[in-house]
Amino acid sequence: MKKRGGEKNYIIVAGGLLVVLGVLHLARIIMDWQVMIENQVFPMWFSALAVVVAWTLGGKLLKIGCS
């Protein structure tokens, strides 16, 4: 099945945004940044999980979009 130009661009942009999101979560872990929402501190394991999920999904989207 051939992808149209708009679909391909959307997939590539979505994959790129997920990769960038993973980089930001990795920076949070390395720099030891705290994230608080309404006095609730998010644990670092949340960011570690987010890095794995974001990079996995982003990589798969980029692979699909670039093929």
C-alpha atoms as a PDB file:
ATOM      1  CA  MET A   1       0.000   0.000   0.000  1.00  0.00           C
ATOM      2  CA  LYS A   2       1.472   3.317  -1.071  1.00  0.00           C
ATOM      3  CA  LYS A   3       1.326   6.216   1.397  1.00  0.00           C
ATOM      4  CA  ARG A   4       0.217   9.646   0.232  1.00  0.00           C
ATOM      5  CA  GLY A   5       2.574  12.585   0.785  1.00  0.00           C
ATOM      6  CA  GLY A   6       0.530  14.081   3.630  1.00  0.00           C
ATOM      7  CA  GLU A   7       0.335  10.792   5.520  1.00  0.00           C
ATOM      8  CA  LYS A   8       4.050  10.210   5.157  1.00  0.00           C
ATOM      9  CA  ASN A   9       4.878  13.703   6.446  1.00  0.00           C
ATOM     10  CA  TYR A  10       2.529  13.261   9.408  1.00  0.00           C
ATOM     11  CA  ILE A  11       4.147   9.949  10.349  1.00  0.00           C
ATOM     12  CA  ILE A  12       7.659  11.413  10.116  1.00  0.00           C
ATOM     13  CA  VAL A  13       6.735  14.487  12.206  1.00  0.00           C
ATOM     14  CA  ALA A  14       4.995  12.366  14.851  1.00  0.00           C
ATOM     15  CA  GLY A  15       7.995  10.044  15.062  1.00  0.00           C
ATOM     16  CA  GLY A  16      10.397  12.968  15.337  1.00  0.00           C
ATOM     17  CA  LEU A  17       8.350  14.543  18.134  1.00  0.00           C
ATOM     18  CA  LEU A  18       8.376  11.280  20.075  1.00  0.00           C
ATOM     19  CA  VAL A  19      12.154  11.036  19.734  1.00  0.00           C
ATOM     20  CA  VAL A  20      12.527  14.634  20.996  1.00  0.00           C
ATOM     21  CA  LEU A  21      10.187  13.868  23.910  1.00  0.00           C
ATOM     22  CA  GLY A  22      12.392  10.916  24.809  1.00  0.00           C
ATOM     23  CA  VAL A  23      15.477  13.144  24.725  1.00  0.00           C
ATOM     24  CA  LEU A  24      13.793  15.613  27.091  1.00  0.00           C
ATOM     25  CA  HIS A  25      12.931  12.843  29.539  1.00  0.00           C
ATOM     26  CA  LEU A  26      16.512  11.581  29.347  1.00  0.00           C
ATOM     27  CA  ALA A  27      17.746  15.115  30.075  1.00  0.00           C
ATOM     28  CA  ARG A  28      15.450  15.182  33.107  1.00  0.00           C
ATOM     29  CA  ILE A  29      17.087  12.006  34.415  1.00  0.00           C
ATOM     30  CA  ILE A  30      20.662  13.175  33.736  1.00  0.00           C
ATOM     31  CA  MET A  31      20.157  16.705  35.093  1.00  0.00           C
ATOM     32  CA  ASP A  32      18.031  15.484  38.037  1.00  0.00           C
ATOM     33  CA  TRP A  33      15.186  17.888  37.266  1.00  0.00           C
ATOM     34  CA  GLN A  34      12.124  17.625  39.486  1.00  0.00           C
ATOM     35  CA  VAL A  35       8.649  17.811  37.952  1.00  0.00           C
ATOM     36  CA  MET A  36       5.842  18.948  40.242  1.00  0.00           C
ATOM     37  CA  ILE A  37       2.168  19.302  39.432  1.00  0.00           C
ATOM     38  CA  GLU A  38      -0.028  20.503  42.308  1.00  0.00           C
ATOM     39  CA  ASN A  39       2.539  19.478  44.973  1.00  0.00           C
ATOM     40  CA  GLN A  40       2.895  16.011  43.435  1.00  0.00           C
ATOM     41  CA  VAL A  41       6.470  15.085  42.469  1.00  0.00           C
ATOM     42  CA  PHE A  42       6.745  12.675  39.548  1.00  0.00           C
ATOM     43  CA  PRO A  43       9.289   9.884  40.167  1.00  0.00           C
ATOM     44  CA  MET A  44      12.342   9.394  37.955  1.00  0.00           C
ATOM     45  CA  TRP A  45      11.221   5.894  36.958  1.00  0.00           C
ATOM     46  CA  PHE A  46       8.345   7.573  35.111  1.00  0.00           C
ATOM     47  CA  SER A  47      10.852   9.381  32.887  1.00  0.00           C
ATOM     48  CA  ALA A  48      12.886   6.207  32.377  1.00  0.00           C
ATOM     49  CA  LEU A  49       9.759   4.427  31.195  1.00  0.00           C
ATOM     50  CA  ALA A  50       8.834   7.409  29.008  1.00  0.00           C
ATOM     51  CA  VAL A  51      12.262   7.313  27.315  1.00  0.00           C
ATOM     52  CA  VAL A  52      11.860   3.658  26.384  1.00  0.00           C
ATOM     53  CA  VAL A  53       8.270   4.026  25.173  1.00  0.00           C
ATOM     54  CA  ALA A  54       8.841   7.286  23.260  1.00  0.00           C
ATOM     55  CA  TRP A  55      11.984   6.043  21.514  1.00  0.00           C
ATOM     56  CA  THR A  56      10.401   2.708  20.629  1.00  0.00           C
ATOM     57  CA  LEU A  57       7.276   4.287  19.143  1.00  0.00           C
ATOM     58  CA  GLY A  58       9.213   7.132  17.520  1.00  0.00           C
ATOM     59  CA  GLY A  59      11.698   4.752  15.939  1.00  0.00           C
ATOM     60  CA  LYS A  60       8.933   2.562  14.551  1.00  0.00           C
ATOM     61  CA  LEU A  61       7.090   5.579  13.122  1.00  0.00           C
ATOM     62  CA  LEU A  62      10.247   6.928  11.514  1.00  0.00           C
ATOM     63  CA  LYS A  63      10.988   3.514  10.035  1.00  0.00           C
ATOM     64  CA  ILE A  64       7.471   3.356   8.575  1.00  0.00           C
ATOM     65  CA  GLY A  65       7.576   6.949   7.329  1.00  0.00           C
ATOM     66  CA  CYS A  66      10.966   6.675   5.678  1.00  0.00           C
ATOM     67  CA  SER A  67      10.255   3.398   3.882  1.00  0.00           C
END
